[in-house]
């Protein structure tokens, strides 16, 4: 019976092959899947990934200085974050988890708001007009239910837009994950469920979370499309998300995207020590797939990138981060009275 079960699981896994465009050496291995992007757009993807890694390093420093509160590191996940958001339009709704700060920033949320969110300040949620996003969700997987609801709302209002909800592999173990997908599938809502499978839900490895070989295959039970993509390949992530978006707005149904990626750092800056549950050999193997290195090689071969240009992006990011922190430091500290005033309609 065990052999039969394993055979079935392996057969299902084979139906969800990993979607790739670039290999680890920056070579195009699937020309037919190469997205229709201009040289400017190809460079912009790299600029955003470099900016994201700089933001990550600076945020960790700010946290250690006591100038930021909770922070979930993003290093290693730049391709899945940047590539997926780049495929969206301003009309699309973004429903993030607590690690998805870069997507919010590139979707139009100012750095000041994102830093204020880390500090727990009520002004964090005061987004500029026209920015279609929610604050990062702390409850694991709750944004999946919200994504289904927002997507149905877009459909009922005949909007040419989608709702994309982000979670990690741990979020795919929550009941909300299945309910949200099932709801979106039943109502053919324009939703994209984007799971960044970074291999660990805090310290719990993916193998301990489910007997299924992939997260993508869980789409079958909800009657929606499922894709498994190399989450360290920014072009593959962009292509997969762009295709899912086009299908959703053309009433072809929701999509579940599983992006295989890895967080190089801890789960968060709140005391997690990944050395206690990860093998150094595994970390080094994943670092060979570093999305920035892979894509940097690709762009350099095309004559579109160089070290001087990269340094200018890093300098710009550091300056913008510095200015954002300066601005929020000028704000009055939040009081308990503020919390009551803005939490409830009536005091």
C-alpha atoms as a PDB file:
ATOM      1  CA  UNK A   1       0.000   0.000   0.000  1.00  0.00           C
ATOM      2  CA  UNK A   2       2.865   2.358   0.857  1.00  0.00           C
ATOM      3  CA  UNK A   3       4.484   1.801  -2.546  1.00  0.00           C
ATOM      4  CA  UNK A   4       1.175   2.506  -4.269  1.00  0.00           C
ATOM      5  CA  UNK A   5       0.766   5.733  -2.311  1.00  0.00           C
ATOM      6  CA  UNK A   6       4.318   6.857  -3.132  1.00  0.00           C
ATOM      7  CA  UNK A   7       3.777   6.016  -6.781  1.00  0.00           C
ATOM      8  CA  UNK A   8       0.624   8.142  -6.817  1.00  0.00           C
ATOM      9  CA  UNK A   9       2.360  11.079  -5.137  1.00  0.00           C
ATOM     10  CA  UNK A  10       5.283  10.916  -7.559  1.00  0.00           C
ATOM     11  CA  UNK A  11       2.927  10.767 -10.541  1.00  0.00           C
ATOM     12  CA  UNK A  12       1.095  13.873  -9.343  1.00  0.00           C
ATOM     13  CA  UNK A  13       4.379  15.703  -8.692  1.00  0.00           C
ATOM     14  CA  UNK A  14       5.472  14.994 -12.269  1.00  0.00           C
ATOM     15  CA  UNK A  15       2.430  16.904 -13.526  1.00  0.00           C
ATOM     16  CA  UNK A  16       3.655  20.082 -11.791  1.00  0.00           C
ATOM     17  CA  UNK A  17       7.104  20.558 -13.251  1.00  0.00           C
ATOM     18  CA  UNK A  18       9.160  23.577 -12.244  1.00  0.00           C
ATOM     19  CA  UNK A  19       8.712  26.484 -14.646  1.00  0.00           C
ATOM     20  CA  UNK A  20      12.101  28.081 -15.535  1.00  0.00           C
ATOM     21  CA  UNK A  21      13.590  30.571 -18.004  1.00  0.00           C
ATOM     22  CA  UNK A  22      17.166  31.022 -16.717  1.00  0.00           C
ATOM     23  CA  UNK A  23      19.556  28.482 -15.234  1.00  0.00           C
ATOM     24  CA  UNK A  24      21.918  29.218 -12.334  1.00  0.00           C
ATOM     25  CA  UNK A  25      24.597  30.515 -14.752  1.00  0.00           C
ATOM     26  CA  UNK A  26      22.257  33.099 -16.250  1.00  0.00           C
ATOM     27  CA  UNK A  27      21.676  31.199 -19.498  1.00  0.00           C
ATOM     28  CA  UNK A  28      18.274  31.205 -21.181  1.00  0.00           C
ATOM     29  CA  UNK A  29      17.134  27.578 -21.207  1.00  0.00           C
ATOM     30  CA  UNK A  30      13.548  28.087 -22.388  1.00  0.00           C
ATOM     31  CA  UNK A  31      13.415  30.601 -25.226  1.00  0.00           C
ATOM     32  CA  UNK A  32       9.708  29.962 -25.813  1.00  0.00           C
ATOM     33  CA  UNK A  33       8.943  31.035 -22.235  1.00  0.00           C
ATOM     34  CA  UNK A  34      11.027  34.219 -22.354  1.00  0.00           C
ATOM     35  CA  UNK A  35       8.691  37.112 -21.459  1.00  0.00           C
ATOM     36  CA  UNK A  36       8.021  39.976 -23.850  1.00  0.00           C
ATOM     37  CA  UNK A  37       9.998  42.659 -22.020  1.00  0.00           C
ATOM     38  CA  UNK A  38      12.008  45.601 -23.360  1.00  0.00           C
ATOM     39  CA  UNK A  39      15.654  46.175 -22.386  1.00  0.00           C
ATOM     40  CA  UNK A  40      14.451  48.983 -20.111  1.00  0.00           C
ATOM     41  CA  UNK A  41      12.084  46.596 -18.332  1.00  0.00           C
ATOM     42  CA  UNK A  42      14.756  43.909 -18.034  1.00  0.00           C
ATOM     43  CA  UNK A  43      17.046  46.427 -16.332  1.00  0.00           C
ATOM     44  CA  UNK A  44      14.223  47.698 -14.126  1.00  0.00           C
ATOM     45  CA  UNK A  45      13.725  44.191 -12.714  1.00  0.00           C
ATOM     46  CA  UNK A  46      17.375  44.111 -11.627  1.00  0.00           C
ATOM     47  CA  UNK A  47      17.226  47.617 -10.188  1.00  0.00           C
ATOM     48  CA  UNK A  48      14.268  46.581  -8.063  1.00  0.00           C
ATOM     49  CA  UNK A  49      15.951  43.399  -6.844  1.00  0.00           C
ATOM     50  CA  UNK A  50      19.105  45.321  -5.878  1.00  0.00           C
ATOM     51  CA  UNK A  51      16.947  47.926  -4.142  1.00  0.00           C
ATOM     52  CA  UNK A  52      15.102  45.159  -2.283  1.00  0.00           C
ATOM     53  CA  UNK A  53      18.288  43.550  -1.011  1.00  0.00           C
ATOM     54  CA  UNK A  54      19.607  46.949   0.096  1.00  0.00           C
ATOM     55  CA  UNK A  55      16.327  47.655   1.861  1.00  0.00           C
ATOM     56  CA  UNK A  56      16.617  44.292   3.602  1.00  0.00           C
ATOM     57  CA  UNK A  57      20.153  44.956   4.871  1.00  0.00           C
ATOM     58  CA  UNK A  58      19.289  48.468   6.030  1.00  0.00           C
ATOM     59  CA  UNK A  59      16.087  47.328   7.734  1.00  0.00           C
ATOM     60  CA  UNK A  60      17.980  44.709   9.733  1.00  0.00           C
ATOM     61  CA  UNK A  61      20.482  47.385  10.842  1.00  0.00           C
ATOM     62  CA  UNK A  62      17.650  49.749  11.789  1.00  0.00           C
ATOM     63  CA  UNK A  63      15.983  46.967  13.777  1.00  0.00           C
ATOM     64  CA  UNK A  64      19.204  46.300  15.684  1.00  0.00           C
ATOM     65  CA  UNK A  65      19.456  50.026  16.445  1.00  0.00           C
ATOM     66  CA  UNK A  66      15.959  49.940  17.919  1.00  0.00           C
ATOM     67  CA  UNK A  67      14.592  52.216  15.160  1.00  0.00           C
ATOM     68  CA  UNK A  68      12.315  49.541  13.665  1.00  0.00           C
ATOM     69  CA  UNK A  69      10.112  46.956  15.324  1.00  0.00           C
ATOM     70  CA  UNK A  70       9.165  43.607  13.818  1.00  0.00           C
ATOM     71  CA  UNK A  71      10.951  42.789  10.570  1.00  0.00           C
ATOM     72  CA  UNK A  72      10.952  39.645   8.389  1.00  0.00           C
ATOM     73  CA  UNK A  73      14.089  39.440   6.189  1.00  0.00           C
ATOM     74  CA  UNK A  74      13.663  39.067   2.427  1.00  0.00           C
ATOM     75  CA  UNK A  75      17.165  38.237   1.171  1.00  0.00           C
ATOM     76  CA  UNK A  76      16.952  35.330  -1.284  1.00  0.00           C
ATOM     77  CA  UNK A  77      13.305  35.959  -2.157  1.00  0.00           C
ATOM     78  CA  UNK A  78      13.827  39.043  -4.342  1.00  0.00           C
ATOM     79  CA  UNK A  79      12.945  37.301  -7.615  1.00  0.00           C
ATOM     80  CA  UNK A  80       9.627  35.936  -6.363  1.00  0.00           C
ATOM     81  CA  UNK A  81       8.668  39.282  -4.849  1.00  0.00           C
ATOM     82  CA  UNK A  82       9.834  41.660  -7.561  1.00  0.00           C
ATOM     83  CA  UNK A  83       8.969  39.418 -10.515  1.00  0.00           C
ATOM     84  CA  UNK A  84       5.393  38.847  -9.388  1.00  0.00           C
ATOM     85  CA  UNK A  85       4.629  42.490  -8.524  1.00  0.00           C
ATOM     86  CA  UNK A  86       6.154  43.695 -11.814  1.00  0.00           C
ATOM     87  CA  UNK A  87       3.469  41.728 -13.659  1.00  0.00           C
ATOM     88  CA  UNK A  88       0.667  43.682 -11.968  1.00  0.00           C
ATOM     89  CA  UNK A  89      -1.081  46.912 -12.921  1.00  0.00           C
ATOM     90  CA  UNK A  90      -1.917  49.809 -10.610  1.00  0.00           C
ATOM     91  CA  UNK A  91      -5.581  48.727 -10.710  1.00  0.00           C
ATOM     92  CA  UNK A  92      -4.763  45.328  -9.191  1.00  0.00           C
ATOM     93  CA  UNK A  93      -5.167  44.739  -5.461  1.00  0.00           C
ATOM     94  CA  UNK A  94      -2.235  43.451  -3.418  1.00  0.00           C
ATOM     95  CA  UNK A  95      -2.844  41.533  -0.184  1.00  0.00           C
ATOM     96  CA  UNK A  96       0.514  40.825   1.465  1.00  0.00           C
ATOM     97  CA  UNK A  97       1.879  38.833   4.344  1.00  0.00           C
ATOM     98  CA  UNK A  98       4.336  40.341   6.823  1.00  0.00           C
ATOM     99  CA  UNK A  99       7.394  39.542   4.661  1.00  0.00           C
ATOM    100  CA  UNK A 100       6.000  41.200   1.547  1.00  0.00           C
ATOM    101  CA  UNK A 101       7.248  44.738   2.131  1.00  0.00           C
ATOM    102  CA  UNK A 102       9.009  45.056  -1.287  1.00  0.00           C
ATOM    103  CA  UNK A 103       5.827  44.308  -3.245  1.00  0.00           C
ATOM    104  CA  UNK A 104       3.962  46.987  -1.314  1.00  0.00           C
ATOM    105  CA  UNK A 105       6.710  49.526  -1.936  1.00  0.00           C
ATOM    106  CA  UNK A 106       6.804  48.918  -5.689  1.00  0.00           C
ATOM    107  CA  UNK A 107       3.006  48.955  -5.782  1.00  0.00           C
ATOM    108  CA  UNK A 108       3.072  52.537  -4.518  1.00  0.00           C
ATOM    109  CA  UNK A 109       3.162  52.424  -0.713  1.00  0.00           C
ATOM    110  CA  UNK A 110       5.753  54.959   0.549  1.00  0.00           C
ATOM    111  CA  UNK A 111       8.684  53.729   2.609  1.00  0.00           C
ATOM    112  CA  UNK A 112       7.527  55.934   5.482  1.00  0.00           C
ATOM    113  CA  UNK A 113       4.292  53.952   5.787  1.00  0.00           C
ATOM    114  CA  UNK A 114       6.123  50.641   5.701  1.00  0.00           C
ATOM    115  CA  UNK A 115       8.552  51.704   8.410  1.00  0.00           C
ATOM    116  CA  UNK A 116       5.672  53.048  10.491  1.00  0.00           C
ATOM    117  CA  UNK A 117       3.944  49.674  10.155  1.00  0.00           C
ATOM    118  CA  UNK A 118       7.027  48.023  11.640  1.00  0.00           C
ATOM    119  CA  UNK A 119       6.774  50.470  14.541  1.00  0.00           C
ATOM    120  CA  UNK A 120       3.070  49.702  14.985  1.00  0.00           C
ATOM    121  CA  UNK A 121       2.030  53.298  14.279  1.00  0.00           C
ATOM    122  CA  UNK A 122      -1.568  54.013  13.263  1.00  0.00           C
ATOM    123  CA  UNK A 123      -0.477  56.298  10.389  1.00  0.00           C
ATOM    124  CA  UNK A 124       1.052  53.306   8.601  1.00  0.00           C
ATOM    125  CA  UNK A 125      -2.265  52.407   6.979  1.00  0.00           C
ATOM    126  CA  UNK A 126      -2.901  55.883   5.573  1.00  0.00           C
ATOM    127  CA  UNK A 127      -1.908  55.013   2.011  1.00  0.00           C
ATOM    128  CA  UNK A 128      -1.920  57.584  -0.794  1.00  0.00           C
ATOM    129  CA  UNK A 129      -5.096  57.752  -2.875  1.00  0.00           C
ATOM    130  CA  UNK A 130      -5.173  55.141  -5.632  1.00  0.00           C
ATOM    131  CA  UNK A 131      -2.785  52.636  -4.010  1.00  0.00           C
ATOM    132  CA  UNK A 132      -4.713  49.368  -4.053  1.00  0.00           C
ATOM    133  CA  UNK A 133      -3.226  47.373  -1.208  1.00  0.00           C
ATOM    134  CA  UNK A 134      -3.845  46.274   2.342  1.00  0.00           C
ATOM    135  CA  UNK A 135      -1.397  46.417   5.227  1.00  0.00           C
ATOM    136  CA  UNK A 136       0.712  43.272   5.750  1.00  0.00           C
ATOM    137  CA  UNK A 137      -1.297  40.504   7.384  1.00  0.00           C
ATOM    138  CA  UNK A 138       0.144  39.115  10.604  1.00  0.00           C
ATOM    139  CA  UNK A 139      -2.347  36.253  10.938  1.00  0.00           C
ATOM    140  CA  UNK A 140      -0.871  33.393   8.915  1.00  0.00           C
ATOM    141  CA  UNK A 141      -2.898  32.786   5.745  1.00  0.00           C
ATOM    142  CA  UNK A 142      -5.751  35.192   6.570  1.00  0.00           C
ATOM    143  CA  UNK A 143      -4.970  37.252   3.454  1.00  0.00           C
ATOM    144  CA  UNK A 144      -5.991  34.283   1.274  1.00  0.00           C
ATOM    145  CA  UNK A 145      -9.607  34.613   2.408  1.00  0.00           C
ATOM    146  CA  UNK A 146      -9.384  38.365   1.890  1.00  0.00           C
ATOM    147  CA  UNK A 147      -7.968  37.872  -1.604  1.00  0.00           C
ATOM    148  CA  UNK A 148     -10.927  35.740  -2.609  1.00  0.00           C
ATOM    149  CA  UNK A 149     -13.324  38.383  -1.297  1.00  0.00           C
ATOM    150  CA  UNK A 150     -11.578  41.303  -2.989  1.00  0.00           C
ATOM    151  CA  UNK A 151     -11.403  39.349  -6.250  1.00  0.00           C
ATOM    152  CA  UNK A 152     -15.131  38.648  -6.150  1.00  0.00           C
ATOM    153  CA  UNK A 153     -15.742  42.340  -5.510  1.00  0.00           C
ATOM    154  CA  UNK A 154     -13.667  43.241  -8.572  1.00  0.00           C
ATOM    155  CA  UNK A 155     -15.671  40.794 -10.653  1.00  0.00           C
ATOM    156  CA  UNK A 156     -19.023  42.136  -9.464  1.00  0.00           C
ATOM    157  CA  UNK A 157     -17.911  45.693 -10.243  1.00  0.00           C
ATOM    158  CA  UNK A 158     -16.682  44.593 -13.700  1.00  0.00           C
ATOM    159  CA  UNK A 159     -13.154  45.834 -12.991  1.00  0.00           C
ATOM    160  CA  UNK A 160     -10.362  44.876 -15.380  1.00  0.00           C
ATOM    161  CA  UNK A 161      -8.157  43.894 -12.450  1.00  0.00           C
ATOM    162  CA  UNK A 162      -7.073  41.032 -10.181  1.00  0.00           C
ATOM    163  CA  UNK A 163      -6.429  40.491  -6.492  1.00  0.00           C
ATOM    164  CA  UNK A 164      -3.156  38.792  -5.581  1.00  0.00           C
ATOM    165  CA  UNK A 165      -2.603  37.330  -2.134  1.00  0.00           C
ATOM    166  CA  UNK A 166       0.861  36.370  -0.874  1.00  0.00           C
ATOM    167  CA  UNK A 167       1.715  33.800   1.749  1.00  0.00           C
ATOM    168  CA  UNK A 168       4.500  31.385   2.575  1.00  0.00           C
ATOM    169  CA  UNK A 169       4.572  27.599   2.649  1.00  0.00           C
ATOM    170  CA  UNK A 170       3.401  27.787   6.270  1.00  0.00           C
ATOM    171  CA  UNK A 171       0.333  29.707   5.123  1.00  0.00           C
ATOM    172  CA  UNK A 172      -0.569  26.845   2.801  1.00  0.00           C
ATOM    173  CA  UNK A 173      -1.050  24.661   5.879  1.00  0.00           C
ATOM    174  CA  UNK A 174      -3.834  26.891   7.204  1.00  0.00           C
ATOM    175  CA  UNK A 175      -7.553  26.284   6.763  1.00  0.00           C
ATOM    176  CA  UNK A 176      -8.000  29.775   5.297  1.00  0.00           C
ATOM    177  CA  UNK A 177      -5.769  28.752   2.396  1.00  0.00           C
ATOM    178  CA  UNK A 178      -8.135  26.005   1.250  1.00  0.00           C
ATOM    179  CA  UNK A 179     -11.290  27.993   1.938  1.00  0.00           C
ATOM    180  CA  UNK A 180     -10.030  30.999   0.009  1.00  0.00           C
ATOM    181  CA  UNK A 181      -9.021  28.976  -3.042  1.00  0.00           C
ATOM    182  CA  UNK A 182     -12.242  27.006  -3.014  1.00  0.00           C
ATOM    183  CA  UNK A 183     -14.342  30.169  -2.790  1.00  0.00           C
ATOM    184  CA  UNK A 184     -12.436  31.881  -5.619  1.00  0.00           C
ATOM    185  CA  UNK A 185     -12.707  28.779  -7.779  1.00  0.00           C
ATOM    186  CA  UNK A 186     -16.438  28.353  -7.152  1.00  0.00           C
ATOM    187  CA  UNK A 187     -17.140  31.975  -8.127  1.00  0.00           C
ATOM    188  CA  UNK A 188     -14.496  32.131 -10.894  1.00  0.00           C
ATOM    189  CA  UNK A 189     -13.059  35.213  -9.201  1.00  0.00           C
ATOM    190  CA  UNK A 190     -10.007  37.003 -10.695  1.00  0.00           C
ATOM    191  CA  UNK A 191      -7.566  35.926  -7.990  1.00  0.00           C
ATOM    192  CA  UNK A 192      -3.927  34.883  -7.869  1.00  0.00           C
ATOM    193  CA  UNK A 193      -2.743  32.951  -4.821  1.00  0.00           C
ATOM    194  CA  UNK A 194       1.026  33.354  -4.653  1.00  0.00           C
ATOM    195  CA  UNK A 195       2.873  31.024  -2.258  1.00  0.00           C
ATOM    196  CA  UNK A 196       6.541  31.717  -1.645  1.00  0.00           C
ATOM    197  CA  UNK A 197       7.737  28.271  -0.643  1.00  0.00           C
ATOM    198  CA  UNK A 198      10.948  29.229   1.144  1.00  0.00           C
ATOM    199  CA  UNK A 199      11.185  25.696   2.584  1.00  0.00           C
ATOM    200  CA  UNK A 200      10.487  26.563   6.232  1.00  0.00           C
ATOM    201  CA  UNK A 201       7.525  27.854   8.257  1.00  0.00           C
ATOM    202  CA  UNK A 202       9.722  29.444  10.913  1.00  0.00           C
ATOM    203  CA  UNK A 203      11.564  26.240  11.940  1.00  0.00           C
ATOM    204  CA  UNK A 204       9.178  23.648  10.467  1.00  0.00           C
ATOM    205  CA  UNK A 205      10.478  22.217   7.154  1.00  0.00           C
ATOM    206  CA  UNK A 206       8.090  21.823   4.253  1.00  0.00           C
ATOM    207  CA  UNK A 207       8.365  18.027   4.466  1.00  0.00           C
ATOM    208  CA  UNK A 208       6.765  18.149   7.932  1.00  0.00           C
ATOM    209  CA  UNK A 209       3.870  20.385   6.834  1.00  0.00           C
ATOM    210  CA  UNK A 210       2.231  18.134   4.258  1.00  0.00           C
ATOM    211  CA  UNK A 211       2.521  14.700   2.659  1.00  0.00           C
ATOM    212  CA  UNK A 212       1.977  16.315  -0.754  1.00  0.00           C
ATOM    213  CA  UNK A 213       5.103  16.708  -2.868  1.00  0.00           C
ATOM    214  CA  UNK A 214       4.089  20.191  -4.067  1.00  0.00           C
ATOM    215  CA  UNK A 215       1.876  23.063  -3.004  1.00  0.00           C
ATOM    216  CA  UNK A 216       0.846  23.684  -6.612  1.00  0.00           C
ATOM    217  CA  UNK A 217      -1.045  20.370  -6.764  1.00  0.00           C
ATOM    218  CA  UNK A 218      -3.427  21.604  -4.062  1.00  0.00           C
ATOM    219  CA  UNK A 219      -5.065  23.716  -6.758  1.00  0.00           C
ATOM    220  CA  UNK A 220      -6.687  20.587  -8.190  1.00  0.00           C
ATOM    221  CA  UNK A 221      -9.107  20.144  -5.291  1.00  0.00           C
ATOM    222  CA  UNK A 222     -10.223  23.763  -5.669  1.00  0.00           C
ATOM    223  CA  UNK A 223     -10.745  23.337  -9.410  1.00  0.00           C
ATOM    224  CA  UNK A 224      -8.257  26.054 -10.322  1.00  0.00           C
ATOM    225  CA  UNK A 225      -4.975  26.179 -12.227  1.00  0.00           C
ATOM    226  CA  UNK A 226      -1.740  25.402 -10.387  1.00  0.00           C
ATOM    227  CA  UNK A 227       1.812  26.364 -11.419  1.00  0.00           C
ATOM    228  CA  UNK A 228       5.177  25.560  -9.903  1.00  0.00           C
ATOM    229  CA  UNK A 229       7.855  28.124 -10.756  1.00  0.00           C
ATOM    230  CA  UNK A 230      11.542  28.626  -9.984  1.00  0.00           C
ATOM    231  CA  UNK A 231      11.214  31.422  -7.434  1.00  0.00           C
ATOM    232  CA  UNK A 232      14.893  32.357  -7.813  1.00  0.00           C
ATOM    233  CA  UNK A 233      14.354  33.136 -11.528  1.00  0.00           C
ATOM    234  CA  UNK A 234      12.819  36.605 -11.857  1.00  0.00           C
ATOM    235  CA  UNK A 235      11.902  36.130 -15.525  1.00  0.00           C
ATOM    236  CA  UNK A 236      10.081  32.868 -14.850  1.00  0.00           C
ATOM    237  CA  UNK A 237       8.185  34.426 -11.938  1.00  0.00           C
ATOM    238  CA  UNK A 238       7.206  37.432 -14.049  1.00  0.00           C
ATOM    239  CA  UNK A 239       6.025  35.218 -16.905  1.00  0.00           C
ATOM    240  CA  UNK A 240       4.007  32.895 -14.652  1.00  0.00           C
ATOM    241  CA  UNK A 241       2.317  35.810 -12.853  1.00  0.00           C
ATOM    242  CA  UNK A 242       1.666  37.732 -16.060  1.00  0.00           C
ATOM    243  CA  UNK A 243       0.003  34.693 -17.640  1.00  0.00           C
ATOM    244  CA  UNK A 244      -2.077  34.096 -14.491  1.00  0.00           C
ATOM    245  CA  UNK A 245      -3.194  37.733 -14.486  1.00  0.00           C
ATOM    246  CA  UNK A 246      -4.207  37.656 -18.151  1.00  0.00           C
ATOM    247  CA  UNK A 247      -6.229  34.505 -17.611  1.00  0.00           C
ATOM    248  CA  UNK A 248      -7.934  35.937 -14.522  1.00  0.00           C
ATOM    249  CA  UNK A 249      -9.061  39.185 -16.181  1.00  0.00           C
ATOM    250  CA  UNK A 250     -10.263  37.186 -19.191  1.00  0.00           C
ATOM    251  CA  UNK A 251     -12.589  35.173 -16.917  1.00  0.00           C
ATOM    252  CA  UNK A 252     -10.505  31.989 -17.181  1.00  0.00           C
ATOM    253  CA  UNK A 253     -10.315  31.514 -13.429  1.00  0.00           C
ATOM    254  CA  UNK A 254      -7.889  31.916 -10.520  1.00  0.00           C
ATOM    255  CA  UNK A 255      -4.362  30.512 -10.343  1.00  0.00           C
ATOM    256  CA  UNK A 256      -2.264  29.113  -7.519  1.00  0.00           C
ATOM    257  CA  UNK A 257       1.454  29.848  -8.031  1.00  0.00           C
ATOM    258  CA  UNK A 258       4.039  28.028  -5.946  1.00  0.00           C
ATOM    259  CA  UNK A 259       7.392  29.849  -6.157  1.00  0.00           C
ATOM    260  CA  UNK A 260      10.280  27.677  -4.983  1.00  0.00           C
ATOM    261  CA  UNK A 261      12.613  30.019  -3.160  1.00  0.00           C
ATOM    262  CA  UNK A 262      14.718  30.338  -0.007  1.00  0.00           C
ATOM    263  CA  UNK A 263      15.242  32.893   2.715  1.00  0.00           C
ATOM    264  CA  UNK A 264      18.933  33.269   3.388  1.00  0.00           C
ATOM    265  CA  UNK A 265      18.389  34.870   6.790  1.00  0.00           C
ATOM    266  CA  UNK A 266      16.195  34.125   9.818  1.00  0.00           C
ATOM    267  CA  UNK A 267      12.415  33.980   9.772  1.00  0.00           C
ATOM    268  CA  UNK A 268      12.338  37.333  11.547  1.00  0.00           C
ATOM    269  CA  UNK A 269      14.517  39.566  13.704  1.00  0.00           C
ATOM    270  CA  UNK A 270      12.526  38.503  16.773  1.00  0.00           C
ATOM    271  CA  UNK A 271      14.937  35.925  18.110  1.00  0.00           C
ATOM    272  CA  UNK A 272      14.856  33.233  15.390  1.00  0.00           C
ATOM    273  CA  UNK A 273      18.117  31.313  14.890  1.00  0.00           C
ATOM    274  CA  UNK A 274      18.040  29.340  11.603  1.00  0.00           C
ATOM    275  CA  UNK A 275      21.306  27.570  12.479  1.00  0.00           C
ATOM    276  CA  UNK A 276      19.298  25.434  14.906  1.00  0.00           C
ATOM    277  CA  UNK A 277      17.105  23.892  12.206  1.00  0.00           C
ATOM    278  CA  UNK A 278      18.939  24.301   8.878  1.00  0.00           C
ATOM    279  CA  UNK A 279      22.021  22.568   7.573  1.00  0.00           C
ATOM    280  CA  UNK A 280      24.812  24.899   6.399  1.00  0.00           C
ATOM    281  CA  UNK A 281      25.313  22.682   3.344  1.00  0.00           C
ATOM    282  CA  UNK A 282      21.710  23.288   2.248  1.00  0.00           C
ATOM    283  CA  UNK A 283      22.069  27.036   2.703  1.00  0.00           C
ATOM    284  CA  UNK A 284      25.198  27.076   0.548  1.00  0.00           C
ATOM    285  CA  UNK A 285      23.472  25.078  -2.186  1.00  0.00           C
ATOM    286  CA  UNK A 286      20.591  27.552  -2.277  1.00  0.00           C
ATOM    287  CA  UNK A 287      23.006  30.497  -2.325  1.00  0.00           C
ATOM    288  CA  UNK A 288      24.342  29.153  -5.610  1.00  0.00           C
ATOM    289  CA  UNK A 289      20.862  29.936  -6.967  1.00  0.00           C
ATOM    290  CA  UNK A 290      20.964  33.521  -5.668  1.00  0.00           C
ATOM    291  CA  UNK A 291      18.476  35.448  -7.858  1.00  0.00           C
ATOM    292  CA  UNK A 292      20.669  38.555  -8.049  1.00  0.00           C
ATOM    293  CA  UNK A 293      23.789  36.668  -9.143  1.00  0.00           C
ATOM    294  CA  UNK A 294      21.908  34.698 -11.787  1.00  0.00           C
ATOM    295  CA  UNK A 295      20.175  37.702 -13.267  1.00  0.00           C
ATOM    296  CA  UNK A 296      23.264  39.909 -13.004  1.00  0.00           C
ATOM    297  CA  UNK A 297      25.171  37.447 -15.190  1.00  0.00           C
ATOM    298  CA  UNK A 298      22.327  37.413 -17.716  1.00  0.00           C
ATOM    299  CA  UNK A 299      22.149  41.218 -17.992  1.00  0.00           C
ATOM    300  CA  UNK A 300      25.934  41.638 -18.078  1.00  0.00           C
ATOM    301  CA  UNK A 301      26.150  39.255 -21.031  1.00  0.00           C
ATOM    302  CA  UNK A 302      23.608  41.455 -22.823  1.00  0.00           C
ATOM    303  CA  UNK A 303      25.613  44.578 -22.036  1.00  0.00           C
ATOM    304  CA  UNK A 304      22.797  46.015 -19.917  1.00  0.00           C
ATOM    305  CA  UNK A 305      24.413  45.983 -16.466  1.00  0.00           C
ATOM    306  CA  UNK A 306      27.694  46.807 -14.754  1.00  0.00           C
ATOM    307  CA  UNK A 307      29.112  47.265 -11.257  1.00  0.00           C
ATOM    308  CA  UNK A 308      29.047  51.066 -11.404  1.00  0.00           C
ATOM    309  CA  UNK A 309      25.340  51.081 -12.256  1.00  0.00           C
ATOM    310  CA  UNK A 310      24.606  48.660  -9.419  1.00  0.00           C
ATOM    311  CA  UNK A 311      26.459  50.847  -6.909  1.00  0.00           C
ATOM    312  CA  UNK A 312      24.385  53.837  -7.977  1.00  0.00           C
ATOM    313  CA  UNK A 313      21.166  51.877  -7.292  1.00  0.00           C
ATOM    314  CA  UNK A 314      22.460  50.880  -3.842  1.00  0.00           C
ATOM    315  CA  UNK A 315      23.404  54.491  -3.043  1.00  0.00           C
ATOM    316  CA  UNK A 316      19.991  55.740  -4.131  1.00  0.00           C
ATOM    317  CA  UNK A 317      18.245  53.114  -2.001  1.00  0.00           C
ATOM    318  CA  UNK A 318      20.302  53.971   1.079  1.00  0.00           C
ATOM    319  CA  UNK A 319      19.583  57.677   0.679  1.00  0.00           C
ATOM    320  CA  UNK A 320      15.831  57.133   0.260  1.00  0.00           C
ATOM    321  CA  UNK A 321      15.754  54.860   3.303  1.00  0.00           C
ATOM    322  CA  UNK A 322      17.701  57.440   5.331  1.00  0.00           C
ATOM    323  CA  UNK A 323      15.284  60.204   4.359  1.00  0.00           C
ATOM    324  CA  UNK A 324      12.225  58.041   5.099  1.00  0.00           C
ATOM    325  CA  UNK A 325      13.479  57.275   8.611  1.00  0.00           C
ATOM    326  CA  UNK A 326      14.211  60.970   9.162  1.00  0.00           C
ATOM    327  CA  UNK A 327      10.653  61.849   8.201  1.00  0.00           C
ATOM    328  CA  UNK A 328       8.958  59.365  10.503  1.00  0.00           C
ATOM    329  CA  UNK A 329      11.261  60.295  13.382  1.00  0.00           C
ATOM    330  CA  UNK A 330       9.648  63.758  13.242  1.00  0.00           C
ATOM    331  CA  UNK A 331       6.196  62.335  13.956  1.00  0.00           C
ATOM    332  CA  UNK A 332       4.819  62.365  17.514  1.00  0.00           C
ATOM    333  CA  UNK A 333       5.037  59.012  19.233  1.00  0.00           C
ATOM    334  CA  UNK A 334       1.823  57.004  19.239  1.00  0.00           C
ATOM    335  CA  UNK A 335      -0.040  57.013  22.538  1.00  0.00           C
ATOM    336  CA  UNK A 336      -2.509  54.565  24.039  1.00  0.00           C
ATOM    337  CA  UNK A 337      -5.161  57.228  23.544  1.00  0.00           C
ATOM    338  CA  UNK A 338      -4.296  57.340  19.793  1.00  0.00           C
ATOM    339  CA  UNK A 339      -4.756  53.599  19.593  1.00  0.00           C
ATOM    340  CA  UNK A 340      -8.268  53.842  21.042  1.00  0.00           C
ATOM    341  CA  UNK A 341      -9.151  56.869  18.949  1.00  0.00           C
ATOM    342  CA  UNK A 342      -8.343  55.222  15.625  1.00  0.00           C
ATOM    343  CA  UNK A 343      -9.204  51.617  16.418  1.00  0.00           C
ATOM    344  CA  UNK A 344     -12.882  52.140  17.101  1.00  0.00           C
ATOM    345  CA  UNK A 345     -15.603  54.194  15.440  1.00  0.00           C
ATOM    346  CA  UNK A 346     -16.870  55.314  18.843  1.00  0.00           C
ATOM    347  CA  UNK A 347     -14.626  55.690  21.876  1.00  0.00           C
END
